[in-house]
């Protein structure tokens, strides 16, 4: 059996390396723009404060009271397809986006554009 290099592992290692500078930033509000909501654990470990992401297409097909059925990189019944999610001090906002994946239509899954308004804290 030959050695198999998993490209997913390489991607995660590169992601951690690229975000490692956030660990050295103190008193800094960091915003990360990412394409992979399933890596929220890594964003939180690097102390990213706000992550804006997409890629999940809202789960492509959604069932009322269930949520998304399938998303790229997350498989069936994905956890991160839309909305706001918080882990430690990291808030991740996921847009369902405007387009489709390789499947050319959506079911119970309206396209969206998200507007985020940032305000500073008053001391």
Protein backbone atom coordinates (compact mmCIF):
# COMPACT_ATOMS: atom_id res chain seq x y z
CA UNK A 1 0.00 0.00 0.00
CA UNK A 2 1.43 3.38 -0.96
CA UNK A 3 1.33 6.45 1.26
CA UNK A 4 -1.71 8.59 0.60
CA UNK A 5 -1.55 12.33 1.17
CA UNK A 6 -4.95 13.68 2.12
CA UNK A 7 -5.40 17.12 0.50
CA UNK A 8 -7.88 18.00 3.28
CA UNK A 9 -5.05 17.70 5.86
CA UNK A 10 -2.80 19.93 3.76
CA UNK A 11 -5.56 22.53 3.49
CA UNK A 12 -6.15 22.57 7.25
CA UNK A 13 -2.43 22.86 7.96
CA UNK A 14 -2.15 25.77 5.53
CA UNK A 15 -5.22 27.41 7.08
CA UNK A 16 -3.76 27.16 10.60
CA UNK A 17 -0.45 28.53 9.37
CA UNK A 18 -2.13 31.47 7.62
CA UNK A 19 -4.23 32.33 10.69
CA UNK A 20 -1.49 31.80 13.28
CA UNK A 21 -0.62 35.51 13.33
CA UNK A 22 -3.97 36.13 15.04
CA UNK A 23 -2.69 34.34 18.12
CA UNK A 24 -0.07 37.05 18.58
CA UNK A 25 -2.56 39.90 18.14
CA UNK A 26 -3.77 41.32 21.42
CA UNK A 27 -6.62 43.78 21.73
CA UNK A 28 -7.29 43.44 18.03
CA UNK A 29 -10.65 42.74 16.44
CA UNK A 30 -10.00 40.33 13.59
CA UNK A 31 -12.27 39.58 10.66
CA UNK A 32 -11.65 36.45 8.60
CA UNK A 33 -13.24 35.95 5.20
CA UNK A 34 -13.33 32.22 4.50
CA UNK A 35 -14.96 29.75 2.17
CA UNK A 36 -15.13 26.86 4.65
CA UNK A 37 -17.61 27.10 7.56
CA UNK A 38 -16.80 23.57 8.71
CA UNK A 39 -13.44 24.85 10.04
CA UNK A 40 -15.00 26.92 12.83
CA UNK A 41 -12.87 25.06 15.41
CA UNK A 42 -9.72 26.31 13.70
CA UNK A 43 -11.00 29.89 13.51
CA UNK A 44 -11.81 29.79 17.23
CA UNK A 45 -8.39 28.32 18.12
CA UNK A 46 -6.74 31.20 16.25
CA UNK A 47 -8.98 33.65 18.13
CA UNK A 48 -10.66 35.12 15.07
CA UNK A 49 -13.44 37.34 16.38
CA UNK A 50 -15.67 37.45 13.28
CA UNK A 51 -15.71 34.96 10.41
CA UNK A 52 -17.73 35.64 7.27
CA UNK A 53 -18.21 32.52 5.23
CA UNK A 54 -20.33 30.68 2.70
CA UNK A 55 -19.67 27.60 0.52
CA UNK A 56 -22.46 25.48 2.03
CA UNK A 57 -25.15 26.89 -0.30
CA UNK A 58 -27.57 26.74 2.62
CA UNK A 59 -27.49 22.97 2.42
CA UNK A 60 -28.71 23.19 -1.21
CA UNK A 61 -31.98 21.50 -0.26
CA UNK A 62 -33.62 22.37 3.05
CA UNK A 63 -36.39 20.69 4.97
CA UNK A 64 -38.55 22.71 7.35
CA UNK A 65 -37.54 22.08 11.00
CA UNK A 66 -34.54 19.99 9.82
CA UNK A 67 -32.31 22.36 7.88
CA UNK A 68 -29.85 21.65 5.08
CA UNK A 69 -29.60 18.17 3.61
CA UNK A 70 -26.16 18.29 1.99
CA UNK A 71 -23.28 20.77 1.78
CA UNK A 72 -19.85 20.72 0.12
CA UNK A 73 -17.18 19.61 2.58
CA UNK A 74 -19.76 18.62 5.22
CA UNK A 75 -21.75 15.84 3.60
CA UNK A 76 -25.29 14.96 4.61
CA UNK A 77 -27.16 16.91 7.31
CA UNK A 78 -24.42 19.54 7.66
CA UNK A 79 -24.16 21.57 10.84
CA UNK A 80 -23.02 24.85 9.31
CA UNK A 81 -25.17 25.95 6.36
CA UNK A 82 -26.61 29.36 7.27
CA UNK A 83 -27.00 31.90 10.03
CA UNK A 84 -24.84 32.91 12.96
CA UNK A 85 -22.80 30.46 15.04
CA UNK A 86 -20.67 31.19 18.10
CA UNK A 87 -17.75 29.20 19.49
CA UNK A 88 -15.84 30.74 22.38
CA UNK A 89 -15.13 34.34 21.30
CA UNK A 90 -15.58 33.58 17.61
CA UNK A 91 -18.78 34.51 15.80
CA UNK A 92 -19.23 32.97 12.36
CA UNK A 93 -21.86 34.26 9.94
CA UNK A 94 -22.72 31.96 7.05
CA UNK A 95 -24.40 33.24 3.91
CA UNK A 96 -26.49 30.85 1.83
CA UNK A 97 -25.27 32.89 -1.14
CA UNK A 98 -26.80 33.52 -4.52
CA UNK A 99 -25.59 30.62 -6.64
CA UNK A 100 -25.83 26.88 -6.70
CA UNK A 101 -23.31 24.10 -6.42
CA UNK A 102 -23.10 21.44 -9.13
CA UNK A 103 -26.83 20.94 -8.57
CA UNK A 104 -28.53 23.69 -10.61
CA UNK A 105 -31.50 24.40 -8.29
CA UNK A 106 -32.50 24.91 -4.65
CA UNK A 107 -35.45 23.55 -2.69
CA UNK A 108 -36.86 25.52 0.32
CA UNK A 109 -33.61 27.46 0.25
CA UNK A 110 -33.89 31.05 -0.91
CA UNK A 111 -30.70 32.80 -2.08
CA UNK A 112 -29.51 35.60 0.19
CA UNK A 113 -27.13 38.49 0.56
CA UNK A 114 -26.14 39.32 4.13
CA UNK A 115 -25.37 42.82 5.33
CA UNK A 116 -23.21 43.03 8.45
CA UNK A 117 -23.02 46.32 10.31
CA UNK A 118 -20.01 46.70 12.58
CA UNK A 119 -20.14 49.10 15.48
CA UNK A 120 -17.40 49.91 17.97
CA UNK A 121 -17.94 49.48 21.67
CA UNK A 122 -18.28 52.69 23.63
CA UNK A 123 -16.09 52.80 26.74
